Amino acid sequence: MKRGKALRRILLAAALAAAWAGCLAADTRGSEDAVLKARPGPDMQVDQKCVYQVRWKGIPAGRASLAISRIEDWRGHKVYYARAEARSNSILDAFYKVRDKATSHIDCEGGFSHRYYKRLREGRYDKREVVEYHYDDVEARYSRMRLGDGEEAEENVECSAPLAGYAQDPLSWLFAIRKENLEVGRRLVKAIHDGHREWDLDLVVLAREKVRVGGLGTFWAFKVEPRAGFESVFVRKGPVYLWLEEGSKIPLRMEGELPIGRVVVELVDAVNCRIGPFGEGEP
């Protein structure tokens, strides 16, 4: 059981940290007319996909991906359909199979979320969560279902929570960073709403460095460290660092110390991602 929980943390880190950088939606808490103020949405390429390899203590553990699949209609709004997935490799499947998925409906104009869905399938554990953001009613509606053998529901939970403004969900904010101008020394504190609570992510830009990424090349990247609020995703033992490609803000690499050991997540393939330029020289 402990081994299963350890793998779950590794692959959850990969799925959600595949594009971790900061919750960069407008911080609307405390504003009476916050619901009427949305920032322009990030520029995103449809059919974009980033694939990451996950290593635990240097051992391949699985892969994660982050993608923008299409534009569709959601209750009269044009939205990007974004998804993140994590899966254990064939070796780890033998004792603890992981197939996790999260999706988000991101408003094309405002960059905020309309709907968030997560399904965790890990070993015999199967849980689904849905959050829908109802801005006319100024509330988020959350539901959770845990499935047992034979797809029968063992647990059903429903609740609602107030919204302070247009919301970022645990996936949509991964794309919001693309609208920000990062610079060394900058600190960002932003809020994420997961349907039943709001939590802060504190992101500090530490340095600008050259990063070699497998066979893809060398890139200029910002080294950033998430601090407060990071434990909401998984428990860390030491610092966690991310390297974001300077132009696109797409994550190239993540390193962190978890209670079960060192985890490294590295980009291995990028389709329609507009990262670059390659090379060793100054861009």
C-alpha atoms as a PDB file:
ATOM      1  CA  MET A   1       0.000   0.000   0.000  1.00  0.00           C
ATOM      2  CA  LYS A   2       2.822   2.396   0.862  1.00  0.00           C
ATOM      3  CA  ARG A   3       4.485   1.642  -2.458  1.00  0.00           C
ATOM      4  CA  GLY A   4       1.233   2.378  -4.255  1.00  0.00           C
ATOM      5  CA  LYS A   5       0.851   5.722  -2.508  1.00  0.00           C
ATOM      6  CA  ALA A   6       4.436   6.595  -3.410  1.00  0.00           C
ATOM      7  CA  LEU A   7       3.846   5.899  -7.101  1.00  0.00           C
ATOM      8  CA  ARG A   8       0.602   7.823  -6.966  1.00  0.00           C
ATOM      9  CA  ARG A   9       2.473  10.899  -5.721  1.00  0.00           C
ATOM     10  CA  ILE A  10       5.123  10.547  -8.415  1.00  0.00           C
ATOM     11  CA  LEU A  11       2.637  10.356 -11.266  1.00  0.00           C
ATOM     12  CA  LEU A  12       0.332  12.968  -9.809  1.00  0.00           C
ATOM     13  CA  ALA A  13       3.344  15.259  -9.682  1.00  0.00           C
ATOM     14  CA  ALA A  14       3.985  14.524 -13.347  1.00  0.00           C
ATOM     15  CA  ALA A  15       0.419  15.053 -14.454  1.00  0.00           C
ATOM     16  CA  LEU A  16      -0.098  18.319 -12.645  1.00  0.00           C
ATOM     17  CA  ALA A  17       3.458  19.595 -12.763  1.00  0.00           C
ATOM     18  CA  ALA A  18       3.845  18.874 -16.428  1.00  0.00           C
ATOM     19  CA  ALA A  19       3.176  22.557 -16.899  1.00  0.00           C
ATOM     20  CA  TRP A  20       3.500  23.963 -13.394  1.00  0.00           C
ATOM     21  CA  ALA A  21       4.524  27.541 -13.188  1.00  0.00           C
ATOM     22  CA  GLY A  22       2.032  29.633 -11.227  1.00  0.00           C
ATOM     23  CA  CYS A  23      -1.607  30.492 -10.849  1.00  0.00           C
ATOM     24  CA  LEU A  24      -1.590  33.620 -12.969  1.00  0.00           C
ATOM     25  CA  ALA A  25      -5.240  34.452 -13.237  1.00  0.00           C
ATOM     26  CA  ALA A  26      -6.316  37.856 -11.993  1.00  0.00           C
ATOM     27  CA  ASP A  27      -6.395  37.875  -8.204  1.00  0.00           C
ATOM     28  CA  THR A  28     -10.012  38.974  -7.753  1.00  0.00           C
ATOM     29  CA  ARG A  29     -10.603  38.303  -4.064  1.00  0.00           C
ATOM     30  CA  GLY A  30     -11.967  41.290  -2.237  1.00  0.00           C
ATOM     31  CA  SER A  31     -13.321  43.005  -5.365  1.00  0.00           C
ATOM     32  CA  GLU A  32     -17.110  43.537  -5.342  1.00  0.00           C
ATOM     33  CA  ASP A  33     -17.393  43.488  -9.141  1.00  0.00           C
ATOM     34  CA  ALA A  34     -14.711  40.854  -9.678  1.00  0.00           C
ATOM     35  CA  VAL A  35     -17.023  38.621 -11.707  1.00  0.00           C
ATOM     36  CA  LEU A  36     -17.200  41.325 -14.368  1.00  0.00           C
ATOM     37  CA  LYS A  37     -13.428  41.553 -14.765  1.00  0.00           C
ATOM     38  CA  ALA A  38     -11.634  38.839 -16.714  1.00  0.00           C
ATOM     39  CA  ARG A  39      -8.159  39.073 -18.148  1.00  0.00           C
ATOM     40  CA  PRO A  40      -7.529  38.236 -21.808  1.00  0.00           C
ATOM     41  CA  GLY A  41      -6.974  34.526 -22.248  1.00  0.00           C
ATOM     42  CA  PRO A  42      -3.570  33.052 -23.079  1.00  0.00           C
ATOM     43  CA  ASP A  43      -2.611  32.369 -26.684  1.00  0.00           C
ATOM     44  CA  MET A  44      -2.857  28.609 -27.171  1.00  0.00           C
ATOM     45  CA  GLN A  45      -2.298  26.373 -30.158  1.00  0.00           C
ATOM     46  CA  VAL A  46      -4.930  23.716 -30.839  1.00  0.00           C
ATOM     47  CA  ASP A  47      -3.482  20.217 -31.290  1.00  0.00           C
ATOM     48  CA  GLN A  48      -0.637  21.172 -28.970  1.00  0.00           C
ATOM     49  CA  LYS A  49       0.842  18.359 -26.900  1.00  0.00           C
ATOM     50  CA  CYS A  50       3.798  18.091 -24.522  1.00  0.00           C
ATOM     51  CA  VAL A  51       5.030  14.694 -23.371  1.00  0.00           C
ATOM     52  CA  TYR A  52       7.148  14.232 -20.246  1.00  0.00           C
ATOM     53  CA  GLN A  53       9.146  11.339 -18.866  1.00  0.00           C
ATOM     54  CA  VAL A  54       8.937  10.741 -15.125  1.00  0.00           C
ATOM     55  CA  ARG A  55      11.930   9.349 -13.235  1.00  0.00           C
ATOM     56  CA  TRP A  56      12.037   8.345  -9.595  1.00  0.00           C
ATOM     57  CA  LYS A  57      15.527   8.027  -8.104  1.00  0.00           C
ATOM     58  CA  GLY A  58      16.782   7.837 -11.707  1.00  0.00           C
ATOM     59  CA  ILE A  59      14.456   4.954 -12.600  1.00  0.00           C
ATOM     60  CA  PRO A  60      11.827   5.440 -15.367  1.00  0.00           C
ATOM     61  CA  ALA A  61       8.412   5.401 -13.668  1.00  0.00           C
ATOM     62  CA  GLY A  62       6.018   6.535 -16.367  1.00  0.00           C
ATOM     63  CA  ARG A  63       4.959   9.361 -18.631  1.00  0.00           C
ATOM     64  CA  ALA A  64       2.767  12.429 -18.391  1.00  0.00           C
ATOM     65  CA  SER A  65       1.301  14.688 -21.041  1.00  0.00           C
ATOM     66  CA  LEU A  66      -0.378  18.061 -21.332  1.00  0.00           C
ATOM     67  CA  ALA A  67      -2.427  18.977 -24.396  1.00  0.00           C
ATOM     68  CA  ILE A  68      -4.911  21.367 -25.997  1.00  0.00           C
ATOM     69  CA  SER A  69      -7.079  19.078 -28.103  1.00  0.00           C
ATOM     70  CA  ARG A  70      -9.677  21.355 -29.663  1.00  0.00           C
ATOM     71  CA  ILE A  71     -12.009  24.350 -29.380  1.00  0.00           C
ATOM     72  CA  GLU A  72     -15.632  23.551 -28.575  1.00  0.00           C
ATOM     73  CA  ASP A  73     -18.829  25.165 -27.308  1.00  0.00           C
ATOM     74  CA  TRP A  74     -19.709  25.024 -23.626  1.00  0.00           C
ATOM     75  CA  ARG A  75     -23.009  26.600 -22.620  1.00  0.00           C
ATOM     76  CA  GLY A  76     -22.702  29.288 -25.260  1.00  0.00           C
ATOM     77  CA  HIS A  77     -19.003  29.964 -24.719  1.00  0.00           C
ATOM     78  CA  LYS A  78     -16.037  29.057 -26.908  1.00  0.00           C
ATOM     79  CA  VAL A  79     -13.591  27.052 -24.819  1.00  0.00           C
ATOM     80  CA  TYR A  80     -10.289  25.262 -25.200  1.00  0.00           C
ATOM     81  CA  TYR A  81     -10.494  21.607 -24.222  1.00  0.00           C
ATOM     82  CA  ALA A  82      -7.292  20.974 -22.249  1.00  0.00           C
ATOM     83  CA  ARG A  83      -6.211  17.677 -20.757  1.00  0.00           C
ATOM     84  CA  ALA A  84      -3.412  16.291 -18.601  1.00  0.00           C
ATOM     85  CA  GLU A  85      -2.684  12.578 -18.288  1.00  0.00           C
ATOM     86  CA  ALA A  86      -0.276  10.412 -16.328  1.00  0.00           C
ATOM     87  CA  ARG A  87       0.374   6.705 -16.682  1.00  0.00           C
ATOM     88  CA  SER A  88       2.765   4.245 -15.152  1.00  0.00           C
ATOM     89  CA  ASN A  89       5.062   2.284 -17.461  1.00  0.00           C
ATOM     90  CA  SER A  90       4.736  -1.423 -18.225  1.00  0.00           C
ATOM     91  CA  ILE A  91       7.127  -2.438 -15.431  1.00  0.00           C
ATOM     92  CA  LEU A  92       5.196  -0.607 -12.728  1.00  0.00           C
ATOM     93  CA  ASP A  93       1.867  -1.681 -14.204  1.00  0.00           C
ATOM     94  CA  ALA A  94       2.652  -5.188 -12.964  1.00  0.00           C
ATOM     95  CA  PHE A  95       2.124  -4.156  -9.333  1.00  0.00           C
ATOM     96  CA  TYR A  96       0.365  -0.778  -9.409  1.00  0.00           C
ATOM     97  CA  LYS A  97      -1.242   0.451 -12.603  1.00  0.00           C
ATOM     98  CA  VAL A  98      -1.863   4.198 -12.876  1.00  0.00           C
ATOM     99  CA  ARG A  99      -4.066   5.871 -15.476  1.00  0.00           C
ATOM    100  CA  ASP A 100      -4.906   9.400 -14.306  1.00  0.00           C
ATOM    101  CA  LYS A 101      -6.606  12.110 -16.332  1.00  0.00           C
ATOM    102  CA  ALA A 102      -7.725  15.710 -15.819  1.00  0.00           C
ATOM    103  CA  THR A 103      -9.533  18.003 -18.258  1.00  0.00           C
ATOM    104  CA  SER A 104     -10.482  21.673 -18.252  1.00  0.00           C
ATOM    105  CA  HIS A 105     -12.818  23.847 -20.330  1.00  0.00           C
ATOM    106  CA  ILE A 106     -10.883  27.131 -20.588  1.00  0.00           C
ATOM    107  CA  ASP A 107     -12.643  30.233 -21.869  1.00  0.00           C
ATOM    108  CA  CYS A 108     -11.056  31.330 -25.158  1.00  0.00           C
ATOM    109  CA  GLU A 109     -11.486  35.027 -24.421  1.00  0.00           C
ATOM    110  CA  GLY A 110     -10.976  35.273 -20.676  1.00  0.00           C
ATOM    111  CA  GLY A 111      -8.705  32.320 -19.925  1.00  0.00           C
ATOM    112  CA  PHE A 112     -10.772  31.253 -16.887  1.00  0.00           C
ATOM    113  CA  SER A 113     -12.344  27.850 -16.288  1.00  0.00           C
ATOM    114  CA  HIS A 114     -15.908  26.731 -16.919  1.00  0.00           C
ATOM    115  CA  ARG A 115     -15.507  23.078 -15.972  1.00  0.00           C
ATOM    116  CA  TYR A 116     -12.869  20.815 -14.426  1.00  0.00           C
ATOM    117  CA  TYR A 117     -12.873  17.004 -14.465  1.00  0.00           C
ATOM    118  CA  LYS A 118     -10.445  14.585 -12.843  1.00  0.00           C
ATOM    119  CA  ARG A 119     -10.362  10.794 -12.829  1.00  0.00           C
ATOM    120  CA  LEU A 120      -7.813   8.875 -10.791  1.00  0.00           C
ATOM    121  CA  ARG A 121      -7.447   5.178 -11.636  1.00  0.00           C
ATOM    122  CA  GLU A 122      -4.684   3.715  -9.527  1.00  0.00           C
ATOM    123  CA  GLY A 123      -4.585   0.036  -8.728  1.00  0.00           C
ATOM    124  CA  ARG A 124      -8.146  -0.802  -7.655  1.00  0.00           C
ATOM    125  CA  TYR A 125      -8.818   2.808  -6.694  1.00  0.00           C
ATOM    126  CA  ASP A 126     -11.135   4.736  -9.045  1.00  0.00           C
ATOM    127  CA  LYS A 127     -12.341   8.255  -8.221  1.00  0.00           C
ATOM    128  CA  ARG A 128     -13.977  10.935 -10.355  1.00  0.00           C
ATOM    129  CA  GLU A 129     -14.374  14.634  -9.547  1.00  0.00           C
ATOM    130  CA  VAL A 130     -16.247  17.340 -11.447  1.00  0.00           C
ATOM    131  CA  VAL A 131     -16.311  21.085 -10.792  1.00  0.00           C
ATOM    132  CA  GLU A 132     -18.565  23.419 -12.750  1.00  0.00           C
ATOM    133  CA  TYR A 133     -18.187  27.182 -12.344  1.00  0.00           C
ATOM    134  CA  HIS A 134     -21.517  29.016 -12.526  1.00  0.00           C
ATOM    135  CA  TYR A 135     -20.614  32.666 -12.803  1.00  0.00           C
ATOM    136  CA  ASP A 136     -24.202  33.944 -13.048  1.00  0.00           C
ATOM    137  CA  ASP A 137     -24.870  32.337  -9.654  1.00  0.00           C
ATOM    138  CA  VAL A 138     -21.366  33.186  -8.353  1.00  0.00           C
ATOM    139  CA  GLU A 139     -20.703  29.652  -7.150  1.00  0.00           C
ATOM    140  CA  ALA A 140     -18.733  26.520  -7.959  1.00  0.00           C
ATOM    141  CA  ARG A 141     -20.547  23.168  -7.855  1.00  0.00           C
ATOM    142  CA  TYR A 142     -18.488  20.154  -6.910  1.00  0.00           C
ATOM    143  CA  SER A 143     -19.236  16.439  -7.138  1.00  0.00           C
ATOM    144  CA  ARG A 144     -17.139  13.387  -6.330  1.00  0.00           C
ATOM    145  CA  MET A 145     -17.770   9.718  -6.993  1.00  0.00           C
ATOM    146  CA  ARG A 146     -15.664   6.785  -5.934  1.00  0.00           C
ATOM    147  CA  LEU A 147     -16.265   3.589  -7.865  1.00  0.00           C
ATOM    148  CA  GLY A 148     -15.910   0.057  -6.625  1.00  0.00           C
ATOM    149  CA  ASP A 149     -15.750  -3.226  -8.478  1.00  0.00           C
ATOM    150  CA  GLY A 150     -18.222  -3.432 -11.327  1.00  0.00           C
ATOM    151  CA  GLU A 151     -18.390   0.384 -11.714  1.00  0.00           C
ATOM    152  CA  GLU A 152     -20.790   0.652  -8.754  1.00  0.00           C
ATOM    153  CA  ALA A 153     -20.586   3.886  -6.785  1.00  0.00           C
ATOM    154  CA  GLU A 154     -19.230   3.435  -3.275  1.00  0.00           C
ATOM    155  CA  GLU A 155     -19.284   7.139  -2.471  1.00  0.00           C
ATOM    156  CA  ASN A 156     -21.142  10.185  -3.775  1.00  0.00           C
ATOM    157  CA  VAL A 157     -20.441  13.716  -2.563  1.00  0.00           C
ATOM    158  CA  GLU A 158     -21.941  16.980  -3.787  1.00  0.00           C
ATOM    159  CA  CYS A 159     -21.397  20.504  -2.498  1.00  0.00           C
ATOM    160  CA  SER A 160     -21.044  24.106  -3.610  1.00  0.00           C
ATOM    161  CA  ALA A 161     -18.782  27.007  -2.721  1.00  0.00           C
ATOM    162  CA  PRO A 162     -18.890  30.763  -3.435  1.00  0.00           C
ATOM    163  CA  LEU A 163     -16.741  32.323  -6.134  1.00  0.00           C
ATOM    164  CA  ALA A 164     -14.875  35.584  -5.612  1.00  0.00           C
ATOM    165  CA  GLY A 165     -14.509  36.101  -9.355  1.00  0.00           C
ATOM    166  CA  TYR A 166     -13.549  34.292 -12.523  1.00  0.00           C
ATOM    167  CA  ALA A 167     -11.794  31.121 -11.424  1.00  0.00           C
ATOM    168  CA  GLN A 168      -8.758  29.078 -12.327  1.00  0.00           C
ATOM    169  CA  ASP A 169      -9.010  25.355 -11.703  1.00  0.00           C
ATOM    170  CA  PRO A 170      -6.114  22.983 -10.851  1.00  0.00           C
ATOM    171  CA  LEU A 171      -5.395  22.563 -14.582  1.00  0.00           C
ATOM    172  CA  SER A 172      -6.424  25.798 -16.346  1.00  0.00           C
ATOM    173  CA  TRP A 173      -3.912  27.940 -14.448  1.00  0.00           C
ATOM    174  CA  LEU A 174      -1.117  25.931 -16.021  1.00  0.00           C
ATOM    175  CA  PHE A 175      -1.803  27.837 -19.213  1.00  0.00           C
ATOM    176  CA  ALA A 176      -2.408  31.267 -17.656  1.00  0.00           C
ATOM    177  CA  ILE A 177       1.306  31.811 -17.135  1.00  0.00           C
ATOM    178  CA  ARG A 178       1.726  32.380 -20.843  1.00  0.00           C
ATOM    179  CA  LYS A 179       0.302  35.880 -20.481  1.00  0.00           C
ATOM    180  CA  GLU A 180       2.853  36.900 -17.847  1.00  0.00           C
ATOM    181  CA  ASN A 181       6.197  38.630 -18.290  1.00  0.00           C
ATOM    182  CA  LEU A 182       8.550  36.736 -16.021  1.00  0.00           C
ATOM    183  CA  GLU A 183      11.778  38.251 -14.751  1.00  0.00           C
ATOM    184  CA  VAL A 184      14.334  37.229 -12.174  1.00  0.00           C
ATOM    185  CA  GLY A 185      13.271  38.261  -8.686  1.00  0.00           C
ATOM    186  CA  ARG A 186       9.576  38.486  -9.443  1.00  0.00           C
ATOM    187  CA  ARG A 187       7.169  36.882  -6.966  1.00  0.00           C
ATOM    188  CA  LEU A 188       3.613  35.911  -7.843  1.00  0.00           C
ATOM    189  CA  VAL A 189       0.883  34.896  -5.391  1.00  0.00           C
ATOM    190  CA  LYS A 190      -2.315  33.662  -7.000  1.00  0.00           C
ATOM    191  CA  ALA A 191      -5.408  31.656  -6.098  1.00  0.00           C
ATOM    192  CA  ILE A 192      -6.769  28.368  -7.425  1.00  0.00           C
ATOM    193  CA  HIS A 193     -10.350  27.199  -6.813  1.00  0.00           C
ATOM    194  CA  ASP A 194     -10.870  23.434  -6.838  1.00  0.00           C
ATOM    195  CA  GLY A 195     -14.625  23.469  -6.288  1.00  0.00           C
ATOM    196  CA  HIS A 196     -14.801  23.359  -2.519  1.00  0.00           C
ATOM    197  CA  ARG A 197     -11.896  25.554  -1.422  1.00  0.00           C
ATOM    198  CA  GLU A 198      -9.479  28.209  -2.641  1.00  0.00           C
ATOM    199  CA  TRP A 199      -5.730  27.951  -2.056  1.00  0.00           C
ATOM    200  CA  ASP A 200      -2.751  30.116  -2.888  1.00  0.00           C
ATOM    201  CA  LEU A 201       0.314  29.314  -4.917  1.00  0.00           C
ATOM    202  CA  ASP A 202       3.418  31.397  -4.266  1.00  0.00           C
ATOM    203  CA  LEU A 203       5.812  31.362  -7.219  1.00  0.00           C
ATOM    204  CA  VAL A 204       9.304  32.936  -7.140  1.00  0.00           C
ATOM    205  CA  VAL A 205      11.461  33.443 -10.248  1.00  0.00           C
ATOM    206  CA  LEU A 206      15.004  32.565  -9.164  1.00  0.00           C
ATOM    207  CA  ALA A 207      17.167  32.696 -12.283  1.00  0.00           C
ATOM    208  CA  ARG A 208      17.450  32.643 -16.071  1.00  0.00           C
ATOM    209  CA  GLU A 209      19.441  29.604 -17.207  1.00  0.00           C
ATOM    210  CA  LYS A 210      20.300  27.459 -20.214  1.00  0.00           C
ATOM    211  CA  VAL A 211      18.619  24.061 -20.005  1.00  0.00           C
ATOM    212  CA  ARG A 212      19.480  21.018 -22.075  1.00  0.00           C
ATOM    213  CA  VAL A 213      16.383  18.881 -22.732  1.00  0.00           C
ATOM    214  CA  GLY A 214      17.116  15.404 -24.056  1.00  0.00           C
ATOM    215  CA  GLY A 215      17.180  15.315 -27.843  1.00  0.00           C
ATOM    216  CA  LEU A 216      15.140  18.518 -28.214  1.00  0.00           C
ATOM    217  CA  GLY A 217      18.026  20.923 -27.732  1.00  0.00           C
ATOM    218  CA  THR A 218      19.147  23.713 -25.414  1.00  0.00           C
ATOM    219  CA  PHE A 219      16.787  26.470 -24.325  1.00  0.00           C
ATOM    220  CA  TRP A 220      16.809  29.622 -22.264  1.00  0.00           C
ATOM    221  CA  ALA A 221      14.511  29.070 -19.306  1.00  0.00           C
ATOM    222  CA  PHE A 222      13.350  30.706 -16.098  1.00  0.00           C
ATOM    223  CA  LYS A 223      14.059  28.677 -12.973  1.00  0.00           C
ATOM    224  CA  VAL A 224      11.131  29.071 -10.604  1.00  0.00           C
ATOM    225  CA  GLU A 225      10.223  27.722  -7.190  1.00  0.00           C
ATOM    226  CA  PRO A 226       6.646  27.197  -5.981  1.00  0.00           C
ATOM    227  CA  ARG A 227       6.511  27.758  -2.242  1.00  0.00           C
ATOM    228  CA  ALA A 228       3.333  28.344  -0.241  1.00  0.00           C
ATOM    229  CA  GLY A 229       0.410  26.162  -1.255  1.00  0.00           C
ATOM    230  CA  PHE A 230       2.459  23.542  -3.103  1.00  0.00           C
ATOM    231  CA  GLU A 231       1.576  20.891  -0.528  1.00  0.00           C
ATOM    232  CA  SER A 232      -2.001  21.051  -1.771  1.00  0.00           C
ATOM    233  CA  VAL A 233      -0.879  18.868  -4.659  1.00  0.00           C
ATOM    234  CA  PHE A 234       1.582  16.591  -2.923  1.00  0.00           C
ATOM    235  CA  VAL A 235       3.753  16.572   0.156  1.00  0.00           C
ATOM    236  CA  ARG A 236       7.304  17.630  -0.534  1.00  0.00           C
ATOM    237  CA  LYS A 237      10.420  16.978   1.481  1.00  0.00           C
ATOM    238  CA  GLY A 238      12.594  19.736   0.034  1.00  0.00           C
ATOM    239  CA  PRO A 239      12.479  22.448  -2.641  1.00  0.00           C
ATOM    240  CA  VAL A 240      10.741  21.812  -5.957  1.00  0.00           C
ATOM    241  CA  TYR A 241      12.090  23.633  -9.016  1.00  0.00           C
ATOM    242  CA  LEU A 242      10.626  24.209 -12.474  1.00  0.00           C
ATOM    243  CA  TRP A 243      12.331  25.412 -15.647  1.00  0.00           C
ATOM    244  CA  LEU A 244       9.997  27.308 -17.984  1.00  0.00           C
ATOM    245  CA  GLU A 245      11.037  28.001 -21.560  1.00  0.00           C
ATOM    246  CA  GLU A 246      11.610  31.730 -21.802  1.00  0.00           C
ATOM    247  CA  GLY A 247       9.302  32.525 -24.714  1.00  0.00           C
ATOM    248  CA  SER A 248       6.401  30.096 -24.450  1.00  0.00           C
ATOM    249  CA  LYS A 249       6.535  29.519 -20.654  1.00  0.00           C
ATOM    250  CA  ILE A 250       6.126  25.810 -21.378  1.00  0.00           C
ATOM    251  CA  PRO A 251       7.750  23.683 -18.660  1.00  0.00           C
ATOM    252  CA  LEU A 252      10.929  21.939 -19.765  1.00  0.00           C
ATOM    253  CA  ARG A 253      11.885  20.228 -16.522  1.00  0.00           C
ATOM    254  CA  MET A 254      10.849  19.709 -12.907  1.00  0.00           C
ATOM    255  CA  GLU A 255      12.962  18.419 -10.026  1.00  0.00           C
ATOM    256  CA  GLY A 256      11.881  17.825  -6.477  1.00  0.00           C
ATOM    257  CA  GLU A 257      12.463  15.892  -3.284  1.00  0.00           C
ATOM    258  CA  LEU A 258       9.398  13.994  -2.125  1.00  0.00           C
ATOM    259  CA  PRO A 259       9.176  11.787   0.954  1.00  0.00           C
ATOM    260  CA  ILE A 260       9.643   8.752  -1.310  1.00  0.00           C
ATOM    261  CA  GLY A 261      12.761  10.121  -3.077  1.00  0.00           C
ATOM    262  CA  ARG A 262      13.914  12.413  -5.845  1.00  0.00           C
ATOM    263  CA  VAL A 263      11.573  12.876  -8.816  1.00  0.00           C
ATOM    264  CA  VAL A 264      12.574  14.376 -12.177  1.00  0.00           C
ATOM    265  CA  VAL A 265      10.034  15.199 -14.902  1.00  0.00           C
ATOM    266  CA  GLU A 266      11.532  16.168 -18.285  1.00  0.00           C
ATOM    267  CA  LEU A 267      10.053  17.132 -21.642  1.00  0.00           C
ATOM    268  CA  VAL A 268      10.734  14.481 -24.282  1.00  0.00           C
ATOM    269  CA  ASP A 269       8.403  15.505 -27.102  1.00  0.00           C
ATOM    270  CA  ALA A 270       6.589  18.691 -28.108  1.00  0.00           C
ATOM    271  CA  VAL A 271       4.018  19.043 -30.895  1.00  0.00           C
ATOM    272  CA  ASN A 272       2.802  22.505 -31.988  1.00  0.00           C
ATOM    273  CA  CYS A 273       4.316  24.040 -28.851  1.00  0.00           C
ATOM    274  CA  ARG A 274       6.247  27.007 -30.304  1.00  0.00           C
ATOM    275  CA  ILE A 275       9.243  26.528 -28.090  1.00  0.00           C
ATOM    276  CA  GLY A 276      12.602  27.831 -29.145  1.00  0.00           C
ATOM    277  CA  PRO A 277      14.917  28.861 -30.404  1.00  0.00           C
ATOM    278  CA  PHE A 278      17.253  25.895 -30.175  1.00  0.00           C
ATOM    279  CA  GLY A 279      20.930  26.479 -29.765  1.00  0.00           C
ATOM    280  CA  GLU A 280      23.543  27.662 -27.327  1.00  0.00           C
ATOM    281  CA  GLY A 281      23.609  31.346 -28.176  1.00  0.00           C
ATOM    282  CA  GLU A 282      21.643  34.255 -26.813  1.00  0.00           C
ATOM    283  CA  PRO A 283      18.121  34.391 -28.285  1.00  0.00           C
END
